[in-house]
C-alpha atoms as a PDB file:
ATOM      1  CA  UNK A   1     -43.507  -6.148 -16.122  1.00  0.00           C
ATOM      2  CA  UNK A   2     -41.791  -9.103 -14.204  1.00  0.00           C
ATOM      3  CA  UNK A   3     -39.389  -8.668 -17.096  1.00  0.00           C
ATOM      4  CA  UNK A   4     -38.851  -5.120 -16.933  1.00  0.00           C
ATOM      5  CA  UNK A   5     -37.711  -4.965 -12.567  1.00  0.00           C
ATOM      6  CA  UNK A   6     -35.536  -7.570 -13.558  1.00  0.00           C
ATOM      7  CA  UNK A   7     -33.605  -5.887 -16.247  1.00  0.00           C
ATOM      8  CA  UNK A   8     -34.053  -2.891 -13.617  1.00  0.00           C
ATOM      9  CA  UNK A   9     -32.475  -4.602 -11.328  1.00  0.00           C
ATOM     10  CA  UNK A  10     -29.571  -6.130 -13.185  1.00  0.00           C
ATOM     11  CA  UNK A  11     -28.663  -2.819 -14.655  1.00  0.00           C
ATOM     12  CA  UNK A  12     -28.340  -1.074 -11.133  1.00  0.00           C
ATOM     13  CA  UNK A  13     -26.412  -4.159  -9.780  1.00  0.00           C
ATOM     14  CA  UNK A  14     -23.941  -3.306 -12.678  1.00  0.00           C
ATOM     15  CA  UNK A  15     -23.898   0.151 -12.445  1.00  0.00           C
ATOM     16  CA  UNK A  16     -23.156   0.119  -8.584  1.00  0.00           C
ATOM     17  CA  UNK A  17     -21.227  -2.879  -9.073  1.00  0.00           C
ATOM     18  CA  UNK A  18     -18.710  -0.584 -11.754  1.00  0.00           C
ATOM     19  CA  UNK A  19     -18.816   2.510  -9.604  1.00  0.00           C
ATOM     20  CA  UNK A  20     -15.219   3.681  -7.737  1.00  0.00           C
ATOM     21  CA  UNK A  21     -15.308   4.337  -4.518  1.00  0.00           C
ATOM     22  CA  UNK A  22     -14.109   8.192  -3.171  1.00  0.00           C
ATOM     23  CA  UNK A  23     -10.900   7.580  -1.547  1.00  0.00           C
ATOM     24  CA  UNK A  24      -9.603   9.406   1.589  1.00  0.00           C
ATOM     25  CA  UNK A  25      -6.603  11.313   0.629  1.00  0.00           C
ATOM     26  CA  UNK A  26      -3.620  10.538   2.720  1.00  0.00           C
ATOM     27  CA  UNK A  27      -0.874  12.677   4.223  1.00  0.00           C
ATOM     28  CA  UNK A  28       1.976  13.342   2.265  1.00  0.00           C
ATOM     29  CA  UNK A  29       4.912  12.216   4.896  1.00  0.00           C
ATOM     30  CA  UNK A  30       2.922   8.702   5.236  1.00  0.00           C
ATOM     31  CA  UNK A  31       4.803   5.625   5.194  1.00  0.00           C
ATOM     32  CA  UNK A  32       4.092   2.119   6.088  1.00  0.00           C
ATOM     33  CA  UNK A  33       6.714  -0.587   6.202  1.00  0.00           C
ATOM     34  CA  UNK A  34       7.550  -4.332   7.602  1.00  0.00           C
ATOM     35  CA  UNK A  35       9.870  -3.824  11.076  1.00  0.00           C
ATOM     36  CA  UNK A  36      10.187  -7.345  10.809  1.00  0.00           C
ATOM     37  CA  UNK A  37      10.858  -9.861   9.737  1.00  0.00           C
ATOM     38  CA  UNK A  38      13.420  -8.459   7.005  1.00  0.00           C
ATOM     39  CA  UNK A  39      13.676  -8.944   3.390  1.00  0.00           C
ATOM     40  CA  UNK A  40      15.850 -12.221   3.081  1.00  0.00           C
ATOM     41  CA  UNK A  41      15.256 -13.892   6.219  1.00  0.00           C
ATOM     42  CA  UNK A  42      15.029 -17.217   7.152  1.00  0.00           C
ATOM     43  CA  UNK A  43      11.819 -18.071   9.464  1.00  0.00           C
ATOM     44  CA  UNK A  44       9.880 -20.753  11.356  1.00  0.00           C
ATOM     45  CA  UNK A  45       6.317 -22.075   9.307  1.00  0.00           C
ATOM     46  CA  UNK A  46       5.319 -19.803  12.295  1.00  0.00           C
ATOM     47  CA  UNK A  47       6.430 -16.316  11.731  1.00  0.00           C
ATOM     48  CA  UNK A  48       5.554 -12.920  12.892  1.00  0.00           C
ATOM     49  CA  UNK A  49       5.311  -9.741  11.080  1.00  0.00           C
ATOM     50  CA  UNK A  50       5.838  -6.903  13.019  1.00  0.00           C
ATOM     51  CA  UNK A  51       4.228  -3.670  10.981  1.00  0.00           C
ATOM     52  CA  UNK A  52       5.075   0.024  11.163  1.00  0.00           C
ATOM     53  CA  UNK A  53       3.304   3.548   9.945  1.00  0.00           C
ATOM     54  CA  UNK A  54       4.947   7.097  10.508  1.00  0.00           C
ATOM     55  CA  UNK A  55       2.921  10.088   9.350  1.00  0.00           C
ATOM     56  CA  UNK A  56      -0.252   8.543  10.257  1.00  0.00           C
ATOM     57  CA  UNK A  57      -2.133   6.658  13.353  1.00  0.00           C
ATOM     58  CA  UNK A  58      -3.785   3.387  13.678  1.00  0.00           C
ATOM     59  CA  UNK A  59      -7.969   3.146  14.014  1.00  0.00           C
ATOM     60  CA  UNK A  60     -10.085   0.450  13.665  1.00  0.00           C
ATOM     61  CA  UNK A  61     -11.885   0.010  10.433  1.00  0.00           C
ATOM     62  CA  UNK A  62     -15.094   1.867  10.504  1.00  0.00           C
ATOM     63  CA  UNK A  63     -13.731   4.805  12.508  1.00  0.00           C
ATOM     64  CA  UNK A  64     -13.648   7.823  10.790  1.00  0.00           C
ATOM     65  CA  UNK A  65     -10.872   9.963  12.301  1.00  0.00           C
ATOM     66  CA  UNK A  66      -8.366  12.241  10.184  1.00  0.00           C
ATOM     67  CA  UNK A  67      -5.104  10.611   9.270  1.00  0.00           C
ATOM     68  CA  UNK A  68      -6.061   6.914  10.401  1.00  0.00           C
ATOM     69  CA  UNK A  69      -6.238   3.758   9.166  1.00  0.00           C
ATOM     70  CA  UNK A  70      -5.464   0.118   9.242  1.00  0.00           C
ATOM     71  CA  UNK A  71      -3.145  -1.947   8.049  1.00  0.00           C
ATOM     72  CA  UNK A  72      -3.817  -4.796   4.998  1.00  0.00           C
ATOM     73  CA  UNK A  73      -1.001  -7.934   4.570  1.00  0.00           C
ATOM     74  CA  UNK A  74      -0.257  -8.666   1.131  1.00  0.00           C
ATOM     75  CA  UNK A  75       0.896 -11.976   0.756  1.00  0.00           C
ATOM     76  CA  UNK A  76       2.444 -13.812  -2.984  1.00  0.00           C
ATOM     77  CA  UNK A  77       0.639 -11.368  -4.668  1.00  0.00           C
ATOM     78  CA  UNK A  78       2.283 -10.506  -8.001  1.00  0.00           C
ATOM     79  CA  UNK A  79       0.524  -6.779  -7.840  1.00  0.00           C
ATOM     80  CA  UNK A  80      -1.622  -4.479  -5.967  1.00  0.00           C
ATOM     81  CA  UNK A  81      -5.505  -5.194  -5.551  1.00  0.00           C
ATOM     82  CA  UNK A  82      -7.846  -2.629  -7.307  1.00  0.00           C
ATOM     83  CA  UNK A  83      -6.882   0.956  -5.379  1.00  0.00           C
ATOM     84  CA  UNK A  84     -10.407   2.326  -6.161  1.00  0.00           C
ATOM     85  CA  UNK A  85     -12.560  -0.828  -4.565  1.00  0.00           C
ATOM     86  CA  UNK A  86     -11.955  -2.325  -0.986  1.00  0.00           C
ATOM     87  CA  UNK A  87      -9.094  -4.620  -0.355  1.00  0.00           C
ATOM     88  CA  UNK A  88     -10.329  -7.920  -0.623  1.00  0.00           C
ATOM     89  CA  UNK A  89     -10.306 -10.434   2.444  1.00  0.00           C
ATOM     90  CA  UNK A  90      -9.038 -13.765   1.632  1.00  0.00           C
ATOM     91  CA  UNK A  91      -5.553 -15.411   2.189  1.00  0.00           C
ATOM     92  CA  UNK A  92      -3.551 -13.312   0.008  1.00  0.00           C
ATOM     93  CA  UNK A  93      -4.821 -10.132   1.432  1.00  0.00           C
ATOM     94  CA  UNK A  94      -5.137 -10.246   5.133  1.00  0.00           C
ATOM     95  CA  UNK A  95      -7.408  -7.402   7.397  1.00  0.00           C
ATOM     96  CA  UNK A  96      -6.359  -6.055  10.370  1.00  0.00           C
ATOM     97  CA  UNK A  97      -9.566  -3.737  11.042  1.00  0.00           C
ATOM     98  CA  UNK A  98      -9.011  -3.849  14.959  1.00  0.00           C
ATOM     99  CA  UNK A  99      -6.199  -1.448  14.639  1.00  0.00           C
ATOM    100  CA  UNK A 100      -3.730  -4.574  15.188  1.00  0.00           C
ATOM    101  CA  UNK A 101       0.324  -3.569  14.642  1.00  0.00           C
ATOM    102  CA  UNK A 102       1.589  -7.366  14.343  1.00  0.00           C
ATOM    103  CA  UNK A 103       0.503 -11.057  13.256  1.00  0.00           C
ATOM    104  CA  UNK A 104       1.570 -14.235  13.308  1.00  0.00           C
ATOM    105  CA  UNK A 105       1.568 -16.186   9.520  1.00  0.00           C
ATOM    106  CA  UNK A 106       1.392 -20.226   9.482  1.00  0.00           C
ATOM    107  CA  UNK A 107       3.350 -20.665   6.302  1.00  0.00           C
ATOM    108  CA  UNK A 108       4.320 -22.906   3.697  1.00  0.00           C
ATOM    109  CA  UNK A 109       8.004 -24.109   3.084  1.00  0.00           C
ATOM    110  CA  UNK A 110       9.482 -21.757   0.594  1.00  0.00           C
ATOM    111  CA  UNK A 111       9.663 -18.502  -0.336  1.00  0.00           C
ATOM    112  CA  UNK A 112       6.824 -15.661   0.266  1.00  0.00           C
ATOM    113  CA  UNK A 113       6.398 -12.134  -0.088  1.00  0.00           C
ATOM    114  CA  UNK A 114       4.555  -9.819   2.008  1.00  0.00           C
ATOM    115  CA  UNK A 115       3.713  -6.024   1.311  1.00  0.00           C
ATOM    116  CA  UNK A 116       1.623  -3.702   3.559  1.00  0.00           C
ATOM    117  CA  UNK A 117      -1.114  -1.229   2.574  1.00  0.00           C
ATOM    118  CA  UNK A 118      -3.133   0.938   4.419  1.00  0.00           C
ATOM    119  CA  UNK A 119      -6.684   0.899   4.586  1.00  0.00           C
ATOM    120  CA  UNK A 120      -8.911   3.764   5.992  1.00  0.00           C
ATOM    121  CA  UNK A 121     -12.580   3.059   7.477  1.00  0.00           C
ATOM    122  CA  UNK A 122     -14.124   1.384   4.632  1.00  0.00           C
ATOM    123  CA  UNK A 123     -11.119  -0.964   3.494  1.00  0.00           C
ATOM    124  CA  UNK A 124     -10.196   1.165   0.536  1.00  0.00           C
ATOM    125  CA  UNK A 125      -6.290   2.330   0.090  1.00  0.00           C
ATOM    126  CA  UNK A 126      -5.622   6.347   0.815  1.00  0.00           C
ATOM    127  CA  UNK A 127      -5.044   8.411  -2.006  1.00  0.00           C
ATOM    128  CA  UNK A 128      -2.396   8.409  -3.013  1.00  0.00           C
ATOM    129  CA  UNK A 129      -1.822   4.788  -1.476  1.00  0.00           C
ATOM    130  CA  UNK A 130       0.535   4.160   1.506  1.00  0.00           C
ATOM    131  CA  UNK A 131       2.303   0.989   0.412  1.00  0.00           C
ATOM    132  CA  UNK A 132       5.571  -0.366   1.881  1.00  0.00           C
ATOM    133  CA  UNK A 133       8.122  -2.049   0.174  1.00  0.00           C
ATOM    134  CA  UNK A 134       7.670  -5.405  -0.966  1.00  0.00           C
ATOM    135  CA  UNK A 135       9.797  -7.720   0.999  1.00  0.00           C
ATOM    136  CA  UNK A 136      10.735 -11.810   0.166  1.00  0.00           C
ATOM    137  CA  UNK A 137      11.299 -14.017   3.214  1.00  0.00           C
ATOM    138  CA  UNK A 138      12.469 -17.644   3.082  1.00  0.00           C
ATOM    139  CA  UNK A 139      10.376 -20.067   5.391  1.00  0.00           C
ATOM    140  CA  UNK A 140      12.030 -23.375   6.556  1.00  0.00           C
END
């Protein structure tokens, strides 16, 4: 009996963890971009990054308001996070769920890449995703 209950619990977890989440539609004209720094720019180890957005508004995570979302900054990633799951939160995926539109990063010397992706109220990328161009900066 205990073993059967354990198998049901494990099966439920596998099904739930593999399920794709419903993504929020994005407006056609939505565009996210990095205002500064610009690609190729040399910056100090404390780099201020300013975010831009057109065709949508900013709202904190958890707020369900049409055509709004919040920024996520991708740092030194080769590709994009899975688009059918919430954006991870770690040293390569910075969340700005309070609606922030800029941040100051402490980066090691050398080459770094930065890219923005807009998340909905549940940190899911929009459909289609609202993603900036990837920029490269150099930290002195």
